[in-house]
């Protein structure tokens, strides 16, 4: 009986978090094609003034829908 209680108590123990040291001088990862697309579309919509009628959440949702419809060959170009 003591073995079962020992097993259940070991499941409840928290695992120690590992401390990850990040080099501040390391180069950043390159931006994905999606991020480039969002930035370009956001700039187009803000310059045209069409974004003012939309909430930020729906604004990004519309851009996400446009990304999903975009063919793969055009996604790679961005």
PDB file of N, CA and C in Angstrom:
ATOM      1  N   UNK A   1       0.820  -1.183   0.000  1.00  0.00           N
ATOM      2  CA  UNK A   1       0.000   0.000   0.000  1.00  0.00           C
ATOM      3  C   UNK A   1       0.871   1.257   0.000  1.00  0.00           C
ATOM      4  N   UNK A   2       2.009   1.188   0.592  1.00  0.00           N
ATOM      5  CA  UNK A   2       2.871   2.355   0.626  1.00  0.00           C
ATOM      6  C   UNK A   2       3.433   2.676  -0.758  1.00  0.00           C
ATOM      7  N   UNK A   3       3.563   1.662  -1.619  1.00  0.00           N
ATOM      8  CA  UNK A   3       4.092   1.926  -2.957  1.00  0.00           C
ATOM      9  C   UNK A   3       3.097   2.709  -3.802  1.00  0.00           C
ATOM     10  N   UNK A   4       1.813   2.438  -3.638  1.00  0.00           N
ATOM     11  CA  UNK A   4       0.824   3.178  -4.420  1.00  0.00           C
ATOM     12  C   UNK A   4       0.736   4.624  -3.965  1.00  0.00           C
ATOM     13  N   UNK A   5       0.838   4.858  -2.671  1.00  0.00           N
ATOM     14  CA  UNK A   5       0.794   6.235  -2.198  1.00  0.00           C
ATOM     15  C   UNK A   5       2.049   6.991  -2.622  1.00  0.00           C
ATOM     16  N   UNK A   6       3.171   6.276  -2.710  1.00  0.00           N
ATOM     17  CA  UNK A   6       4.408   6.900  -3.154  1.00  0.00           C
ATOM     18  C   UNK A   6       4.306   7.294  -4.629  1.00  0.00           C
ATOM     19  N   UNK A   7       3.705   6.438  -5.443  1.00  0.00           N
ATOM     20  CA  UNK A   7       3.565   6.742  -6.860  1.00  0.00           C
ATOM     21  C   UNK A   7       2.640   7.930  -7.076  1.00  0.00           C
ATOM     22  N   UNK A   8       1.549   7.978  -6.348  1.00  0.00           N
ATOM     23  CA  UNK A   8       0.616   9.083  -6.533  1.00  0.00           C
ATOM     24  C   UNK A   8       1.219  10.398  -6.057  1.00  0.00           C
ATOM     25  N   UNK A   9       2.039  10.346  -5.008  1.00  0.00           N
ATOM     26  CA  UNK A   9       2.655  11.580  -4.539  1.00  0.00           C
ATOM     27  C   UNK A   9       3.736  12.055  -5.502  1.00  0.00           C
ATOM     28  N   UNK A  10       4.396  11.130  -6.209  1.00  0.00           N
ATOM     29  CA  UNK A  10       5.415  11.545  -7.165  1.00  0.00           C
ATOM     30  C   UNK A  10       4.780  12.201  -8.388  1.00  0.00           C
ATOM     31  N   UNK A  11       3.549  11.836  -8.718  1.00  0.00           N
ATOM     32  CA  UNK A  11       2.861  12.469  -9.835  1.00  0.00           C
ATOM     33  C   UNK A  11       2.490  13.909  -9.500  1.00  0.00           C
ATOM     34  N   UNK A  12       2.252  14.176  -8.241  1.00  0.00           N
ATOM     35  CA  UNK A  12       1.833  15.508  -7.823  1.00  0.00           C
ATOM     36  C   UNK A  12       2.999  16.474  -7.664  1.00  0.00           C
ATOM     37  N   UNK A  13       4.204  15.972  -7.676  1.00  0.00           N
ATOM     38  CA  UNK A  13       5.369  16.842  -7.524  1.00  0.00           C
ATOM     39  C   UNK A  13       5.536  17.718  -8.754  1.00  0.00           C
ATOM     40  N   UNK A  14       5.958  18.908  -8.509  1.00  0.00           N
ATOM     41  CA  UNK A  14       6.223  19.827  -9.613  1.00  0.00           C
ATOM     42  C   UNK A  14       7.625  19.577 -10.144  1.00  0.00           C
ATOM     43  N   UNK A  15       7.747  19.699 -11.424  1.00  0.00           N
ATOM     44  CA  UNK A  15       9.065  19.583 -12.016  1.00  0.00           C
ATOM     45  C   UNK A  15       9.758  20.930 -11.911  1.00  0.00           C
ATOM     46  N   UNK A  16      11.046  20.894 -11.727  1.00  0.00           N
ATOM     47  CA  UNK A  16      11.804  22.135 -11.638  1.00  0.00           C
ATOM     48  C   UNK A  16      11.867  22.791 -13.010  1.00  0.00           C
ATOM     49  N   UNK A  17      11.704  24.101 -13.019  1.00  0.00           N
ATOM     50  CA  UNK A  17      11.807  24.839 -14.268  1.00  0.00           C
ATOM     51  C   UNK A  17      13.279  25.056 -14.586  1.00  0.00           C
ATOM     52  N   UNK A  18      13.601  24.836 -15.821  1.00  0.00           N
ATOM     53  CA  UNK A  18      14.976  25.059 -16.242  1.00  0.00           C
ATOM     54  C   UNK A  18      15.160  26.538 -16.562  1.00  0.00           C
ATOM     55  N   UNK A  19      16.245  27.064 -16.134  1.00  0.00           N
ATOM     56  CA  UNK A  19      16.558  28.456 -16.429  1.00  0.00           C
ATOM     57  C   UNK A  19      17.310  28.483 -17.754  1.00  0.00           C
ATOM     58  N   UNK A  20      16.765  29.206 -18.700  1.00  0.00           N
ATOM     59  CA  UNK A  20      17.384  29.307 -20.010  1.00  0.00           C
ATOM     60  C   UNK A  20      17.971  30.703 -20.140  1.00  0.00           C
ATOM     61  N   UNK A  21      19.258  30.747 -20.342  1.00  0.00           N
ATOM     62  CA  UNK A  21      19.933  32.021 -20.519  1.00  0.00           C
ATOM     63  C   UNK A  21      19.978  32.335 -22.010  1.00  0.00           C
ATOM     64  N   UNK A  22      19.492  33.507 -22.369  1.00  0.00           N
ATOM     65  CA  UNK A  22      19.434  33.913 -23.764  1.00  0.00           C
ATOM     66  C   UNK A  22      20.513  34.954 -24.011  1.00  0.00           C
ATOM     67  N   UNK A  23      21.253  34.745 -25.059  1.00  0.00           N
ATOM     68  CA  UNK A  23      22.282  35.703 -25.437  1.00  0.00           C
ATOM     69  C   UNK A  23      21.612  36.921 -26.062  1.00  0.00           C
ATOM     70  N   UNK A  24      21.785  38.073 -25.461  1.00  0.00           N
ATOM     71  CA  UNK A  24      21.138  39.290 -25.953  1.00  0.00           C
ATOM     72  C   UNK A  24      21.738  39.761 -27.268  1.00  0.00           C
ATOM     73  N   UNK A  25      22.948  39.330 -27.568  1.00  0.00           N
ATOM     74  CA  UNK A  25      23.609  39.739 -28.802  1.00  0.00           C
ATOM     75  C   UNK A  25      23.368  38.762 -29.947  1.00  0.00           C
ATOM     76  N   UNK A  26      22.647  37.691 -29.678  1.00  0.00           N
ATOM     77  CA  UNK A  26      22.379  36.699 -30.714  1.00  0.00           C
ATOM     78  C   UNK A  26      21.435  37.287 -31.757  1.00  0.00           C
ATOM     79  N   UNK A  27      21.589  36.885 -33.009  1.00  0.00           N
ATOM     80  CA  UNK A  27      20.684  37.413 -34.041  1.00  0.00           C
ATOM     81  C   UNK A  27      19.270  36.893 -33.850  1.00  0.00           C
ATOM     82  N   UNK A  28      18.300  37.716 -34.227  1.00  0.00           N
ATOM     83  CA  UNK A  28      16.906  37.321 -34.099  1.00  0.00           C
ATOM     84  C   UNK A  28      16.543  36.396 -35.251  1.00  0.00           C
ATOM     85  N   UNK A  29      15.511  35.600 -35.021  1.00  0.00           N
ATOM     86  CA  UNK A  29      15.027  34.711 -36.068  1.00  0.00           C
ATOM     87  C   UNK A  29      14.405  35.549 -37.180  1.00  0.00           C
ATOM     88  N   UNK A  30      14.505  35.083 -38.418  1.00  0.00           N
ATOM     89  CA  UNK A  30      13.881  35.844 -39.507  1.00  0.00           C
ATOM     90  C   UNK A  30      12.364  35.802 -39.405  1.00  0.00           C
ATOM     91  N   UNK A  31      11.726  36.836 -39.895  1.00  0.00           N
ATOM     92  CA  UNK A  31      10.268  36.902 -39.855  1.00  0.00           C
ATOM     93  C   UNK A  31       9.683  35.919 -40.856  1.00  0.00           C
ATOM     94  N   UNK A  32       8.556  35.369 -40.491  1.00  0.00           N
ATOM     95  CA  UNK A  32       7.888  34.424 -41.383  1.00  0.00           C
ATOM     96  C   UNK A  32       7.174  35.181 -42.501  1.00  0.00           C
ATOM     97  N   UNK A  33       6.778  34.441 -43.515  1.00  0.00           N
ATOM     98  CA  UNK A  33       6.051  35.044 -44.634  1.00  0.00           C
ATOM     99  C   UNK A  33       4.730  35.622 -44.150  1.00  0.00           C
ATOM    100  N   UNK A  34       4.111  34.964 -43.174  1.00  0.00           N
ATOM    101  CA  UNK A  34       2.841  35.459 -42.640  1.00  0.00           C
ATOM    102  C   UNK A  34       3.022  36.825 -41.982  1.00  0.00           C
ATOM    103  N   UNK A  35       4.078  36.998 -41.229  1.00  0.00           N
ATOM    104  CA  UNK A  35       4.324  38.281 -40.560  1.00  0.00           C
ATOM    105  C   UNK A  35       4.563  39.378 -41.596  1.00  0.00           C
ATOM    106  N   UNK A  36       5.313  39.062 -42.640  1.00  0.00           N
ATOM    107  CA  UNK A  36       5.516  40.040 -43.710  1.00  0.00           C
ATOM    108  C   UNK A  36       4.188  40.405 -44.372  1.00  0.00           C
ATOM    109  N   UNK A  37       3.338  39.405 -44.604  1.00  0.00           N
ATOM    110  CA  UNK A  37       2.034  39.635 -45.219  1.00  0.00           C
ATOM    111  C   UNK A  37       1.168  40.520 -44.331  1.00  0.00           C
ATOM    112  N   UNK A  38       1.121  40.220 -43.039  1.00  0.00           N
ATOM    113  CA  UNK A  38       0.298  41.007 -42.109  1.00  0.00           C
ATOM    114  C   UNK A  38       0.784  42.449 -42.057  1.00  0.00           C
ATOM    115  N   UNK A  39       2.081  42.635 -41.978  1.00  0.00           N
ATOM    116  CA  UNK A  39       2.616  44.001 -41.925  1.00  0.00           C
ATOM    117  C   UNK A  39       2.290  44.784 -43.192  1.00  0.00           C
ATOM    118  N   UNK A  40       2.398  44.131 -44.343  1.00  0.00           N
ATOM    119  CA  UNK A  40       2.101  44.808 -45.607  1.00  0.00           C
ATOM    120  C   UNK A  40       0.616  45.145 -45.708  1.00  0.00           C
ATOM    121  N   UNK A  41      -0.245  44.194 -45.369  1.00  0.00           N
ATOM    122  CA  UNK A  41      -1.695  44.429 -45.438  1.00  0.00           C
ATOM    123  C   UNK A  41      -2.125  45.492 -44.432  1.00  0.00           C
ATOM    124  N   UNK A  42      -1.540  45.466 -43.248  1.00  0.00           N
ATOM    125  CA  UNK A  42      -1.877  46.465 -42.235  1.00  0.00           C
ATOM    126  C   UNK A  42      -1.511  47.859 -42.731  1.00  0.00           C
ATOM    127  N   UNK A  43      -0.344  47.968 -43.347  1.00  0.00           N
ATOM    128  CA  UNK A  43       0.085  49.268 -43.873  1.00  0.00           C
ATOM    129  C   UNK A  43      -0.855  49.733 -44.977  1.00  0.00           C
ATOM    130  N   UNK A  44      -1.247  48.814 -45.871  1.00  0.00           N
ATOM    131  CA  UNK A  44      -2.164  49.181 -46.957  1.00  0.00           C
ATOM    132  C   UNK A  44      -3.504  49.660 -46.403  1.00  0.00           C
ATOM    133  N   UNK A  45      -4.040  48.937 -45.437  1.00  0.00           N
ATOM    134  CA  UNK A  45      -5.356  49.278 -44.906  1.00  0.00           C
ATOM    135  C   UNK A  45      -5.329  50.544 -44.054  1.00  0.00           C
ATOM    136  N   UNK A  46      -4.257  50.753 -43.309  1.00  0.00           N
ATOM    137  CA  UNK A  46      -4.185  51.968 -42.495  1.00  0.00           C
ATOM    138  C   UNK A  46      -3.972  53.195 -43.375  1.00  0.00           C
ATOM    139  N   UNK A  47      -3.209  53.040 -44.458  1.00  0.00           N
ATOM    140  CA  UNK A  47      -3.003  54.173 -45.370  1.00  0.00           C
ATOM    141  C   UNK A  47      -4.290  54.547 -46.092  1.00  0.00           C
ATOM    142  N   UNK A  48      -5.111  53.543 -46.413  1.00  0.00           N
ATOM    143  CA  UNK A  48      -6.360  53.821 -47.128  1.00  0.00           C
ATOM    144  C   UNK A  48      -7.472  54.278 -46.188  1.00  0.00           C
ATOM    145  N   UNK A  49      -7.322  54.047 -44.888  1.00  0.00           N
ATOM    146  CA  UNK A  49      -8.325  54.473 -43.920  1.00  0.00           C
ATOM    147  C   UNK A  49      -9.463  53.484 -43.733  1.00  0.00           C
ATOM    148  N   UNK A  50      -9.350  52.291 -44.314  1.00  0.00           N
ATOM    149  CA  UNK A  50     -10.418  51.296 -44.212  1.00  0.00           C
ATOM    150  C   UNK A  50     -10.441  50.598 -42.855  1.00  0.00           C
ATOM    151  N   UNK A  51      -9.365  50.699 -42.113  1.00  0.00           N
ATOM    152  CA  UNK A  51      -9.280  49.983 -40.839  1.00  0.00           C
ATOM    153  C   UNK A  51     -10.070  50.663 -39.726  1.00  0.00           C
ATOM    154  N   UNK A  52     -10.427  51.910 -39.890  1.00  0.00           N
ATOM    155  CA  UNK A  52     -11.067  52.665 -38.812  1.00  0.00           C
ATOM    156  C   UNK A  52     -12.433  52.105 -38.441  1.00  0.00           C
ATOM    157  N   UNK A  53     -13.122  51.486 -39.398  1.00  0.00           N
ATOM    158  CA  UNK A  53     -14.447  50.928 -39.123  1.00  0.00           C
ATOM    159  C   UNK A  53     -14.359  49.574 -38.432  1.00  0.00           C
ATOM    160  N   UNK A  54     -13.184  48.961 -38.437  1.00  0.00           N
ATOM    161  CA  UNK A  54     -13.018  47.623 -37.871  1.00  0.00           C
ATOM    162  C   UNK A  54     -12.361  47.678 -36.503  1.00  0.00           C
ATOM    163  N   UNK A  55     -12.712  46.732 -35.674  1.00  0.00           N
ATOM    164  CA  UNK A  55     -12.014  46.565 -34.404  1.00  0.00           C
ATOM    165  C   UNK A  55     -10.691  45.860 -34.685  1.00  0.00           C
ATOM    166  N   UNK A  56      -9.704  46.044 -33.820  1.00  0.00           N
ATOM    167  CA  UNK A  56      -8.408  45.407 -34.081  1.00  0.00           C
ATOM    168  C   UNK A  56      -8.498  43.886 -34.221  1.00  0.00           C
ATOM    169  N   UNK A  57      -9.358  43.281 -33.446  1.00  0.00           N
ATOM    170  CA  UNK A  57      -9.465  41.823 -33.502  1.00  0.00           C
ATOM    171  C   UNK A  57     -10.051  41.371 -34.839  1.00  0.00           C
ATOM    172  N   UNK A  58     -11.099  42.030 -35.292  1.00  0.00           N
ATOM    173  CA  UNK A  58     -11.698  41.660 -36.574  1.00  0.00           C
ATOM    174  C   UNK A  58     -10.791  42.075 -37.732  1.00  0.00           C
ATOM    175  N   UNK A  59     -10.035  43.130 -37.525  1.00  0.00           N
ATOM    176  CA  UNK A  59      -9.067  43.592 -38.516  1.00  0.00           C
ATOM    177  C   UNK A  59      -8.050  42.491 -38.793  1.00  0.00           C
ATOM    178  N   UNK A  60      -7.497  41.914 -37.737  1.00  0.00           N
ATOM    179  CA  UNK A  60      -6.521  40.839 -37.895  1.00  0.00           C
ATOM    180  C   UNK A  60      -7.176  39.551 -38.367  1.00  0.00           C
ATOM    181  N   UNK A  61      -8.417  39.318 -37.974  1.00  0.00           N
ATOM    182  CA  UNK A  61      -9.132  38.125 -38.432  1.00  0.00           C
ATOM    183  C   UNK A  61      -9.335  38.183 -39.940  1.00  0.00           C
ATOM    184  N   UNK A  62      -9.656  39.353 -40.467  1.00  0.00           N
ATOM    185  CA  UNK A  62      -9.826  39.505 -41.911  1.00  0.00           C
ATOM    186  C   UNK A  62      -8.509  39.267 -42.650  1.00  0.00           C
ATOM    187  N   UNK A  63      -7.427  39.771 -42.095  1.00  0.00           N
ATOM    188  CA  UNK A  63      -6.121  39.552 -42.714  1.00  0.00           C
ATOM    189  C   UNK A  63      -5.779  38.064 -42.677  1.00  0.00           C
ATOM    190  N   UNK A  64      -6.105  37.380 -41.585  1.00  0.00           N
ATOM    191  CA  UNK A  64      -5.863  35.943 -41.488  1.00  0.00           C
ATOM    192  C   UNK A  64      -6.657  35.157 -42.515  1.00  0.00           C
ATOM    193  N   UNK A  65      -7.896  35.565 -42.761  1.00  0.00           N
ATOM    194  CA  UNK A  65      -8.716  34.899 -43.783  1.00  0.00           C
ATOM    195  C   UNK A  65      -8.113  35.106 -45.170  1.00  0.00           C
ATOM    196  N   UNK A  66      -7.604  36.307 -45.424  1.00  0.00           N
ATOM    197  CA  UNK A  66      -6.961  36.576 -46.708  1.00  0.00           C
ATOM    198  C   UNK A  66      -5.725  35.696 -46.886  1.00  0.00           C
ATOM    199  N   UNK A  67      -4.991  35.469 -45.802  1.00  0.00           N
ATOM    200  CA  UNK A  67      -3.795  34.627 -45.854  1.00  0.00           C
ATOM    201  C   UNK A  67      -4.169  33.177 -46.166  1.00  0.00           C
ATOM    202  N   UNK A  68      -5.252  32.694 -45.570  1.00  0.00           N
ATOM    203  CA  UNK A  68      -5.668  31.311 -45.810  1.00  0.00           C
ATOM    204  C   UNK A  68      -6.074  31.089 -47.258  1.00  0.00           C
ATOM    205  N   UNK A  69      -6.674  32.092 -47.877  1.00  0.00           N
ATOM    206  CA  UNK A  69      -7.141  31.974 -49.257  1.00  0.00           C
ATOM    207  C   UNK A  69      -5.979  32.083 -50.247  1.00  0.00           C
ATOM    208  N   UNK A  70      -4.913  32.725 -49.843  1.00  0.00           N
ATOM    209  CA  UNK A  70      -3.774  32.964 -50.717  1.00  0.00           C
ATOM    210  C   UNK A  70      -3.139  31.638 -51.142  1.00  0.00           C
ATOM    211  N   UNK A  71      -2.843  31.454 -52.435  1.00  0.00           N
ATOM    212  CA  UNK A  71      -2.205  30.211 -52.887  1.00  0.00           C
ATOM    213  C   UNK A  71      -0.796  30.064 -52.311  1.00  0.00           C
ATOM    214  N   UNK A  72      -0.335  28.819 -52.206  1.00  0.00           N
ATOM    215  CA  UNK A  72       0.971  28.544 -51.604  1.00  0.00           C
ATOM    216  C   UNK A  72       2.120  29.199 -52.361  1.00  0.00           C
ATOM    217  N   UNK A  73       2.027  29.255 -53.684  1.00  0.00           N
ATOM    218  CA  UNK A  73       3.124  29.852 -54.442  1.00  0.00           C
ATOM    219  C   UNK A  73       3.266  31.343 -54.157  1.00  0.00           C
ATOM    220  N   UNK A  74       2.171  32.027 -53.872  1.00  0.00           N
ATOM    221  CA  UNK A  74       2.245  33.446 -53.522  1.00  0.00           C
ATOM    222  C   UNK A  74       2.713  33.633 -52.084  1.00  0.00           C
ATOM    223  N   UNK A  75       2.427  32.673 -51.223  1.00  0.00           N
ATOM    224  CA  UNK A  75       2.895  32.769 -49.838  1.00  0.00           C
ATOM    225  C   UNK A  75       4.414  32.689 -49.779  1.00  0.00           C
ATOM    226  N   UNK A  76       5.006  31.895 -50.639  1.00  0.00           N
ATOM    227  CA  UNK A  76       6.459  31.738 -50.641  1.00  0.00           C
ATOM    228  C   UNK A  76       7.159  32.991 -51.144  1.00  0.00           C
ATOM    229  N   UNK A  77       6.495  33.745 -52.001  1.00  0.00           N
ATOM    230  CA  UNK A  77       7.084  34.969 -52.552  1.00  0.00           C
ATOM    231  C   UNK A  77       7.215  36.025 -51.473  1.00  0.00           C
ATOM    232  N   UNK A  78       6.252  36.050 -50.560  1.00  0.00           N
ATOM    233  CA  UNK A  78       6.270  37.058 -49.511  1.00  0.00           C
ATOM    234  C   UNK A  78       7.383  36.738 -48.561  1.00  0.00           C
TER     235      UNK A  78
END
